[in-house]
Amino acid sequence: MSLHFELVTPARQVRSEEVYMVVVPGTDGEFGVLEGHAPFMSTIKDGTIRVYRAAGASPEEIKVQGGFAEVGDKGLTVLAEHVEG
């Protein structure tokens, strides 16, 4: 079971990979996305995206600034205004 995760900025694609779960800093609070999540859109605030490659694994943290997230049939896409690193 895996979730397709893409992280992009206006300038480039930062990530495109299969993961277990992603936790996103939504403007109304953090939310986690697993495979099969219902379609959903949210703006995101400055913060940290946590990417879990497997169940129970320690997350990889990616700092982002602004943007939005969309969950659809193809997985989770995060369009961030800026990604550190």
N, C-alpha and C. Protein backbone atom coordinates (compact mmCIF):
# COMPACT_ATOMS: atom_id res chain seq x y z
N MET A 1 0.84 -1.18 0.00
CA MET A 1 0.00 0.00 0.00
C MET A 1 0.89 1.24 0.00
N SER A 2 0.74 2.12 -0.99
CA SER A 2 1.57 3.30 -1.03
C SER A 2 0.81 4.48 -1.61
N LEU A 3 1.30 5.65 -1.28
CA LEU A 3 0.72 6.92 -1.70
C LEU A 3 1.70 7.59 -2.64
N HIS A 4 1.22 8.06 -3.79
CA HIS A 4 2.09 8.81 -4.68
C HIS A 4 2.15 10.25 -4.18
N PHE A 5 3.35 10.75 -3.91
CA PHE A 5 3.57 12.09 -3.35
C PHE A 5 4.42 12.91 -4.31
N GLU A 6 3.91 14.09 -4.64
CA GLU A 6 4.70 15.03 -5.45
C GLU A 6 4.79 16.35 -4.70
N LEU A 7 5.99 16.90 -4.68
CA LEU A 7 6.25 18.22 -4.09
C LEU A 7 6.87 19.07 -5.17
N VAL A 8 6.20 20.17 -5.50
CA VAL A 8 6.69 21.06 -6.56
C VAL A 8 6.68 22.50 -6.08
N THR A 9 7.54 23.30 -6.70
CA THR A 9 7.55 24.74 -6.52
C THR A 9 7.27 25.35 -7.89
N PRO A 10 7.04 26.65 -7.97
CA PRO A 10 6.85 27.25 -9.29
C PRO A 10 8.05 27.03 -10.22
N ALA A 11 9.24 26.80 -9.65
CA ALA A 11 10.45 26.66 -10.46
C ALA A 11 10.80 25.22 -10.84
N ARG A 12 10.42 24.23 -10.00
CA ARG A 12 10.89 22.86 -10.27
C ARG A 12 10.09 21.82 -9.51
N GLN A 13 10.25 20.58 -9.96
CA GLN A 13 9.69 19.45 -9.21
C GLN A 13 10.75 19.04 -8.19
N VAL A 14 10.37 19.01 -6.92
CA VAL A 14 11.30 18.68 -5.86
C VAL A 14 11.29 17.18 -5.56
N ARG A 15 10.09 16.57 -5.53
CA ARG A 15 9.93 15.15 -5.24
C ARG A 15 8.83 14.54 -6.07
N SER A 16 8.98 13.29 -6.41
CA SER A 16 7.93 12.47 -7.00
C SER A 16 8.25 11.04 -6.61
N GLU A 17 7.51 10.51 -5.62
CA GLU A 17 7.87 9.20 -5.08
C GLU A 17 6.67 8.52 -4.43
N GLU A 18 6.82 7.24 -4.18
CA GLU A 18 5.82 6.45 -3.47
C GLU A 18 6.20 6.41 -2.00
N VAL A 19 5.26 6.76 -1.12
CA VAL A 19 5.52 6.79 0.32
C VAL A 19 4.35 6.15 1.05
N TYR A 20 4.50 5.99 2.37
CA TYR A 20 3.43 5.43 3.19
C TYR A 20 2.42 6.51 3.59
N MET A 21 2.93 7.64 4.13
CA MET A 21 2.06 8.70 4.62
C MET A 21 2.80 10.03 4.60
N VAL A 22 2.04 11.12 4.41
CA VAL A 22 2.60 12.46 4.45
C VAL A 22 1.72 13.30 5.39
N VAL A 23 2.36 14.06 6.27
CA VAL A 23 1.65 14.99 7.16
C VAL A 23 1.99 16.40 6.69
N VAL A 24 0.93 17.17 6.43
CA VAL A 24 1.06 18.50 5.81
C VAL A 24 0.59 19.58 6.79
N PRO A 25 1.31 20.72 6.86
CA PRO A 25 0.89 21.81 7.75
C PRO A 25 -0.20 22.68 7.10
N GLY A 26 -1.45 22.24 7.17
CA GLY A 26 -2.55 23.00 6.60
C GLY A 26 -2.83 24.27 7.39
N THR A 27 -3.41 25.26 6.76
CA THR A 27 -3.71 26.51 7.46
C THR A 27 -4.75 26.30 8.56
N ASP A 28 -5.58 25.27 8.46
CA ASP A 28 -6.57 24.97 9.50
C ASP A 28 -6.08 23.86 10.44
N GLY A 29 -4.81 23.50 10.34
CA GLY A 29 -4.23 22.45 11.18
C GLY A 29 -3.57 21.39 10.34
N GLU A 30 -2.69 20.63 10.96
CA GLU A 30 -1.99 19.56 10.25
C GLU A 30 -2.96 18.47 9.83
N PHE A 31 -2.66 17.83 8.69
CA PHE A 31 -3.46 16.69 8.27
C PHE A 31 -2.55 15.64 7.65
N GLY A 32 -2.91 14.38 7.88
CA GLY A 32 -2.15 13.27 7.33
C GLY A 32 -2.88 12.66 6.15
N VAL A 33 -2.11 12.21 5.17
CA VAL A 33 -2.68 11.61 3.97
C VAL A 33 -2.07 10.22 3.76
N LEU A 34 -2.95 9.23 3.65
CA LEU A 34 -2.57 7.86 3.31
C LEU A 34 -3.19 7.50 1.96
N GLU A 35 -2.77 6.40 1.37
CA GLU A 35 -3.37 5.93 0.12
C GLU A 35 -4.88 5.78 0.32
N GLY A 36 -5.66 6.17 -0.67
CA GLY A 36 -7.10 6.02 -0.61
C GLY A 36 -7.83 7.16 0.07
N HIS A 37 -7.10 8.22 0.45
CA HIS A 37 -7.73 9.38 1.10
C HIS A 37 -8.75 10.00 0.16
N ALA A 38 -9.84 10.50 0.71
CA ALA A 38 -10.87 11.17 -0.10
C ALA A 38 -10.28 12.43 -0.74
N PRO A 39 -10.78 12.81 -1.92
CA PRO A 39 -10.31 14.05 -2.56
C PRO A 39 -10.46 15.24 -1.61
N PHE A 40 -9.45 16.12 -1.65
CA PHE A 40 -9.35 17.16 -0.63
C PHE A 40 -8.40 18.23 -1.13
N MET A 41 -8.68 19.49 -0.80
CA MET A 41 -7.75 20.58 -1.11
C MET A 41 -7.60 21.44 0.13
N SER A 42 -6.41 21.99 0.33
CA SER A 42 -6.16 22.86 1.47
C SER A 42 -5.02 23.80 1.15
N THR A 43 -5.10 25.01 1.68
CA THR A 43 -3.92 25.87 1.64
C THR A 43 -2.99 25.39 2.75
N ILE A 44 -1.70 25.68 2.57
CA ILE A 44 -0.74 25.28 3.60
C ILE A 44 -0.03 26.51 4.14
N LYS A 45 0.38 26.39 5.40
CA LYS A 45 1.11 27.49 6.03
C LYS A 45 2.59 27.13 6.09
N ASP A 46 3.40 28.12 6.41
CA ASP A 46 4.83 27.87 6.59
C ASP A 46 4.99 26.81 7.68
N GLY A 47 5.79 25.82 7.40
CA GLY A 47 5.97 24.75 8.38
C GLY A 47 6.75 23.60 7.81
N THR A 48 6.50 22.42 8.34
CA THR A 48 7.26 21.23 7.99
C THR A 48 6.34 20.14 7.48
N ILE A 49 6.66 19.62 6.30
CA ILE A 49 6.00 18.42 5.78
C ILE A 49 6.79 17.24 6.32
N ARG A 50 6.07 16.25 6.85
CA ARG A 50 6.72 15.03 7.34
C ARG A 50 6.36 13.88 6.42
N VAL A 51 7.39 13.25 5.85
CA VAL A 51 7.21 12.16 4.89
C VAL A 51 7.62 10.85 5.55
N TYR A 52 6.66 9.92 5.65
CA TYR A 52 6.92 8.60 6.21
C TYR A 52 7.03 7.61 5.06
N ARG A 53 8.21 7.02 4.89
CA ARG A 53 8.42 6.08 3.78
C ARG A 53 7.79 4.73 4.04
N ALA A 54 7.62 4.38 5.32
CA ALA A 54 7.01 3.09 5.68
C ALA A 54 6.28 3.26 7.02
N ALA A 55 5.34 2.37 7.30
CA ALA A 55 4.61 2.41 8.57
C ALA A 55 5.61 2.26 9.71
N GLY A 56 5.52 3.14 10.70
CA GLY A 56 6.39 3.06 11.85
C GLY A 56 7.78 3.66 11.65
N ALA A 57 8.08 4.12 10.45
CA ALA A 57 9.40 4.70 10.17
C ALA A 57 9.48 6.11 10.72
N SER A 58 10.69 6.57 10.97
CA SER A 58 10.89 7.96 11.36
C SER A 58 10.66 8.84 10.13
N PRO A 59 10.03 10.00 10.32
CA PRO A 59 9.73 10.83 9.16
C PRO A 59 10.93 11.64 8.68
N GLU A 60 10.93 11.91 7.39
CA GLU A 60 11.85 12.89 6.81
C GLU A 60 11.12 14.22 6.84
N GLU A 61 11.79 15.28 7.26
CA GLU A 61 11.14 16.58 7.37
C GLU A 61 11.61 17.51 6.26
N ILE A 62 10.64 18.20 5.65
CA ILE A 62 10.92 19.14 4.57
C ILE A 62 10.25 20.46 4.93
N LYS A 63 11.04 21.53 5.06
CA LYS A 63 10.48 22.83 5.40
C LYS A 63 9.92 23.50 4.15
N VAL A 64 8.68 24.01 4.28
CA VAL A 64 8.02 24.67 3.15
C VAL A 64 7.46 26.01 3.60
N GLN A 65 7.23 26.86 2.61
CA GLN A 65 6.59 28.15 2.87
C GLN A 65 5.42 28.30 1.93
N GLY A 66 4.22 28.44 2.49
CA GLY A 66 3.01 28.72 1.73
C GLY A 66 2.69 27.73 0.63
N GLY A 67 1.52 27.91 0.02
CA GLY A 67 1.13 27.09 -1.11
C GLY A 67 -0.18 26.38 -0.84
N PHE A 68 -0.36 25.25 -1.55
CA PHE A 68 -1.56 24.46 -1.33
C PHE A 68 -1.29 22.99 -1.59
N ALA A 69 -2.20 22.16 -1.07
CA ALA A 69 -2.08 20.71 -1.22
C ALA A 69 -3.38 20.20 -1.84
N GLU A 70 -3.24 19.21 -2.71
CA GLU A 70 -4.41 18.58 -3.32
C GLU A 70 -4.27 17.07 -3.26
N VAL A 71 -5.31 16.43 -2.73
CA VAL A 71 -5.37 14.97 -2.74
C VAL A 71 -6.38 14.58 -3.81
N GLY A 72 -5.97 13.71 -4.72
CA GLY A 72 -6.85 13.25 -5.79
C GLY A 72 -6.62 11.79 -6.09
N ASP A 73 -7.15 11.34 -7.22
CA ASP A 73 -7.01 9.93 -7.61
C ASP A 73 -5.55 9.51 -7.76
N LYS A 74 -4.68 10.45 -8.13
CA LYS A 74 -3.28 10.12 -8.37
C LYS A 74 -2.41 10.27 -7.14
N GLY A 75 -3.00 10.68 -6.00
CA GLY A 75 -2.22 10.82 -4.78
C GLY A 75 -2.23 12.24 -4.26
N LEU A 76 -1.13 12.64 -3.59
CA LEU A 76 -1.00 13.95 -2.98
C LEU A 76 -0.02 14.80 -3.75
N THR A 77 -0.45 16.00 -4.13
CA THR A 77 0.44 16.97 -4.75
C THR A 77 0.49 18.20 -3.86
N VAL A 78 1.69 18.63 -3.50
CA VAL A 78 1.88 19.86 -2.74
C VAL A 78 2.61 20.85 -3.64
N LEU A 79 1.98 22.01 -3.86
CA LEU A 79 2.62 23.09 -4.59
C LEU A 79 3.01 24.14 -3.56
N ALA A 80 4.29 24.20 -3.25
CA ALA A 80 4.80 25.12 -2.23
C ALA A 80 5.42 26.34 -2.89
N GLU A 81 5.22 27.49 -2.27
CA GLU A 81 5.84 28.71 -2.78
C GLU A 81 7.36 28.62 -2.69
N HIS A 82 7.85 27.97 -1.62
CA HIS A 82 9.30 27.81 -1.43
C HIS A 82 9.58 26.55 -0.62
N VAL A 83 10.62 25.83 -0.99
CA VAL A 83 11.08 24.66 -0.24
C VAL A 83 12.52 24.90 0.15
N GLU A 84 12.81 24.77 1.44
CA GLU A 84 14.19 24.95 1.91
C GLU A 84 15.01 23.70 1.60
N GLY A 85 16.25 23.95 1.18
CA GLY A 85 17.15 22.85 0.94
C GLY A 85 17.27 22.46 -0.44
